[in-house]
Amino acid sequence: MINLDYTFIDKYTGTSFKLNIDVTNPDTGAVTDPSSVTVSLSDPNGDLEIDGLAATRDAEGDYHYIITVPSIIGAYRGQTKCVSGDSKTTIKTFGFWAEASL
């Protein structure tokens, strides 16, 4: 299971926020390290801004990725993807709205 936490005040182009990714075993609820944790992000035009880049491991089952909001105003859609040692894949989606920087 993937839990996401991203809180940021300004959703303006050019600003950054931290996407926290917590990974647990869906059967036991225990934190776990999968084989890989990646992040992808598409801009409002559907173009990939981030294409399956690895998240940074902070501790067992605890990862993050810093996202800098691109320059296009509109709705962004992303996903985190975790692949376990037995090749099971879990995907969790997220999204946000970007506005012109001040």
C-alpha atoms as a PDB file:
ATOM      1  CA  MET A   1       0.000   0.000   0.000  1.00  0.00           C
ATOM      2  CA  ILE A   2       1.220   3.517  -0.778  1.00  0.00           C
ATOM      3  CA  ASN A   3       0.269   6.525   1.339  1.00  0.00           C
ATOM      4  CA  LEU A   4       1.002   9.991  -0.051  1.00  0.00           C
ATOM      5  CA  ASP A   5       1.320  13.255   1.824  1.00  0.00           C
ATOM      6  CA  TYR A   6       1.994  16.524   0.101  1.00  0.00           C
ATOM      7  CA  THR A   7       1.093  19.828   1.644  1.00  0.00           C
ATOM      8  CA  PHE A   8       2.122  23.113   0.145  1.00  0.00           C
ATOM      9  CA  ILE A   9       0.683  26.600   0.516  1.00  0.00           C
ATOM     10  CA  ASP A  10       1.650  28.131  -2.821  1.00  0.00           C
ATOM     11  CA  LYS A  11       0.840  26.160  -5.952  1.00  0.00           C
ATOM     12  CA  TYR A  12       2.644  28.627  -8.143  1.00  0.00           C
ATOM     13  CA  THR A  13       4.823  27.834 -11.122  1.00  0.00           C
ATOM     14  CA  GLY A  14       8.464  27.666 -10.183  1.00  0.00           C
ATOM     15  CA  THR A  15       7.837  26.715  -6.539  1.00  0.00           C
ATOM     16  CA  SER A  16       8.671  23.314  -5.092  1.00  0.00           C
ATOM     17  CA  PHE A  17       7.010  20.911  -2.699  1.00  0.00           C
ATOM     18  CA  LYS A  18       7.929  17.630  -1.062  1.00  0.00           C
ATOM     19  CA  LEU A  19       5.889  14.561  -1.962  1.00  0.00           C
ATOM     20  CA  ASN A  20       6.153  12.134   0.977  1.00  0.00           C
ATOM     21  CA  ILE A  21       5.627   8.479   0.097  1.00  0.00           C
ATOM     22  CA  ASP A  22       5.043   5.872   2.813  1.00  0.00           C
ATOM     23  CA  VAL A  23       5.047   2.220   1.757  1.00  0.00           C
ATOM     24  CA  THR A  24       3.496  -0.575   3.833  1.00  0.00           C
ATOM     25  CA  ASN A  25       2.839  -4.248   3.241  1.00  0.00           C
ATOM     26  CA  PRO A  26      -0.879  -4.484   2.340  1.00  0.00           C
ATOM     27  CA  ASP A  27      -1.204  -7.828   4.136  1.00  0.00           C
ATOM     28  CA  THR A  28       0.481  -6.940   7.434  1.00  0.00           C
ATOM     29  CA  GLY A  29       0.472  -3.132   7.532  1.00  0.00           C
ATOM     30  CA  ALA A  30       4.203  -3.170   8.358  1.00  0.00           C
ATOM     31  CA  VAL A  31       6.481  -0.614   6.716  1.00  0.00           C
ATOM     32  CA  THR A  32       8.483  -2.153   3.913  1.00  0.00           C
ATOM     33  CA  ASP A  33      10.992  -1.307   1.220  1.00  0.00           C
ATOM     34  CA  PRO A  34       9.888  -2.280  -2.276  1.00  0.00           C
ATOM     35  CA  SER A  35      12.356  -2.963  -5.092  1.00  0.00           C
ATOM     36  CA  SER A  36      11.645   0.479  -6.558  1.00  0.00           C
ATOM     37  CA  VAL A  37       9.630   3.644  -5.885  1.00  0.00           C
ATOM     38  CA  THR A  38       9.225   6.001  -8.840  1.00  0.00           C
ATOM     39  CA  VAL A  39       7.346   9.227  -9.565  1.00  0.00           C
ATOM     40  CA  SER A  40       5.822  10.446 -12.836  1.00  0.00           C
ATOM     41  CA  LEU A  41       4.075  13.756 -13.551  1.00  0.00           C
ATOM     42  CA  SER A  42       2.139  15.012 -16.581  1.00  0.00           C
ATOM     43  CA  ASP A  43       1.471  18.681 -17.286  1.00  0.00           C
ATOM     44  CA  PRO A  44      -1.952  20.081 -18.307  1.00  0.00           C
ATOM     45  CA  ASN A  45      -1.166  19.278 -21.962  1.00  0.00           C
ATOM     46  CA  GLY A  46      -0.538  15.618 -21.100  1.00  0.00           C
ATOM     47  CA  ASP A  47       3.218  15.858 -21.671  1.00  0.00           C
ATOM     48  CA  LEU A  48       5.458  14.024 -19.198  1.00  0.00           C
ATOM     49  CA  GLU A  49       7.443  16.433 -17.037  1.00  0.00           C
ATOM     50  CA  ILE A  50       8.765  13.646 -14.769  1.00  0.00           C
ATOM     51  CA  ASP A  51       9.013  10.186 -16.288  1.00  0.00           C
ATOM     52  CA  GLY A  52       9.439   7.408 -13.737  1.00  0.00           C
ATOM     53  CA  LEU A  53      12.263   8.963 -11.718  1.00  0.00           C
ATOM     54  CA  ALA A  54      13.359   7.286  -8.490  1.00  0.00           C
ATOM     55  CA  ALA A  55      12.183   8.677  -5.159  1.00  0.00           C
ATOM     56  CA  THR A  56      14.740   9.216  -2.370  1.00  0.00           C
ATOM     57  CA  ARG A  57      14.727   6.703   0.498  1.00  0.00           C
ATOM     58  CA  ASP A  58      14.720   8.356   3.951  1.00  0.00           C
ATOM     59  CA  ALA A  59      14.141   5.236   6.080  1.00  0.00           C
ATOM     60  CA  GLU A  60      12.508   1.829   5.734  1.00  0.00           C
ATOM     61  CA  GLY A  61       9.242   2.367   3.844  1.00  0.00           C
ATOM     62  CA  ASP A  62       9.741   6.168   3.900  1.00  0.00           C
ATOM     63  CA  TYR A  63      10.519   7.958   0.621  1.00  0.00           C
ATOM     64  CA  HIS A  64      10.220  11.457  -0.820  1.00  0.00           C
ATOM     65  CA  TYR A  65      10.470  13.316  -4.104  1.00  0.00           C
ATOM     66  CA  ILE A  66      10.861  17.090  -4.531  1.00  0.00           C
ATOM     67  CA  ILE A  67       8.610  18.395  -7.298  1.00  0.00           C
ATOM     68  CA  THR A  68       9.248  21.806  -8.835  1.00  0.00           C
ATOM     69  CA  VAL A  69       6.012  23.058 -10.382  1.00  0.00           C
ATOM     70  CA  PRO A  70       6.583  23.579 -14.130  1.00  0.00           C
ATOM     71  CA  SER A  71       5.684  26.808 -15.937  1.00  0.00           C
ATOM     72  CA  ILE A  72       2.360  25.720 -17.469  1.00  0.00           C
ATOM     73  CA  ILE A  73      -0.764  26.837 -15.590  1.00  0.00           C
ATOM     74  CA  GLY A  74      -3.444  24.193 -15.034  1.00  0.00           C
ATOM     75  CA  ALA A  75      -4.106  20.718 -13.645  1.00  0.00           C
ATOM     76  CA  TYR A  76      -1.176  18.345 -13.169  1.00  0.00           C
ATOM     77  CA  ARG A  77      -1.570  14.608 -12.735  1.00  0.00           C
ATOM     78  CA  GLY A  78       1.011  12.276 -11.309  1.00  0.00           C
ATOM     79  CA  GLN A  79       1.580   8.804  -9.990  1.00  0.00           C
ATOM     80  CA  THR A  80       3.871   6.949  -7.667  1.00  0.00           C
ATOM     81  CA  LYS A  81       4.712   3.391  -8.575  1.00  0.00           C
ATOM     82  CA  CYS A  82       6.103   0.768  -6.213  1.00  0.00           C
ATOM     83  CA  VAL A  83       7.369  -2.582  -7.458  1.00  0.00           C
ATOM     84  CA  SER A  84       7.913  -5.289  -4.850  1.00  0.00           C
ATOM     85  CA  GLY A  85      10.549  -8.018  -4.935  1.00  0.00           C
ATOM     86  CA  ASP A  86       7.994 -10.459  -6.370  1.00  0.00           C
ATOM     87  CA  SER A  87       7.192  -7.985  -9.193  1.00  0.00           C
ATOM     88  CA  LYS A  88       3.813  -6.899  -7.796  1.00  0.00           C
ATOM     89  CA  THR A  89       3.118  -3.292  -8.754  1.00  0.00           C
ATOM     90  CA  THR A  90       1.140  -0.733  -6.761  1.00  0.00           C
ATOM     91  CA  ILE A  91       0.251   2.648  -8.262  1.00  0.00           C
ATOM     92  CA  LYS A  92      -1.164   5.653  -6.417  1.00  0.00           C
ATOM     93  CA  THR A  93      -2.222   8.801  -8.256  1.00  0.00           C
ATOM     94  CA  PHE A  94      -2.104  12.434  -7.141  1.00  0.00           C
ATOM     95  CA  GLY A  95      -2.799  15.811  -8.675  1.00  0.00           C
ATOM     96  CA  PHE A  96      -2.631  19.543  -8.128  1.00  0.00           C
ATOM     97  CA  TRP A  97      -3.522  22.848  -9.792  1.00  0.00           C
ATOM     98  CA  ALA A  98      -0.733  25.290 -10.677  1.00  0.00           C
ATOM     99  CA  GLU A  99      -1.213  29.040 -10.956  1.00  0.00           C
ATOM    100  CA  ALA A 100       1.034  31.767 -12.360  1.00  0.00           C
ATOM    101  CA  SER A 101       3.821  32.756  -9.998  1.00  0.00           C
ATOM    102  CA  LEU A 102       3.493  36.055  -8.205  1.00  0.00           C
END
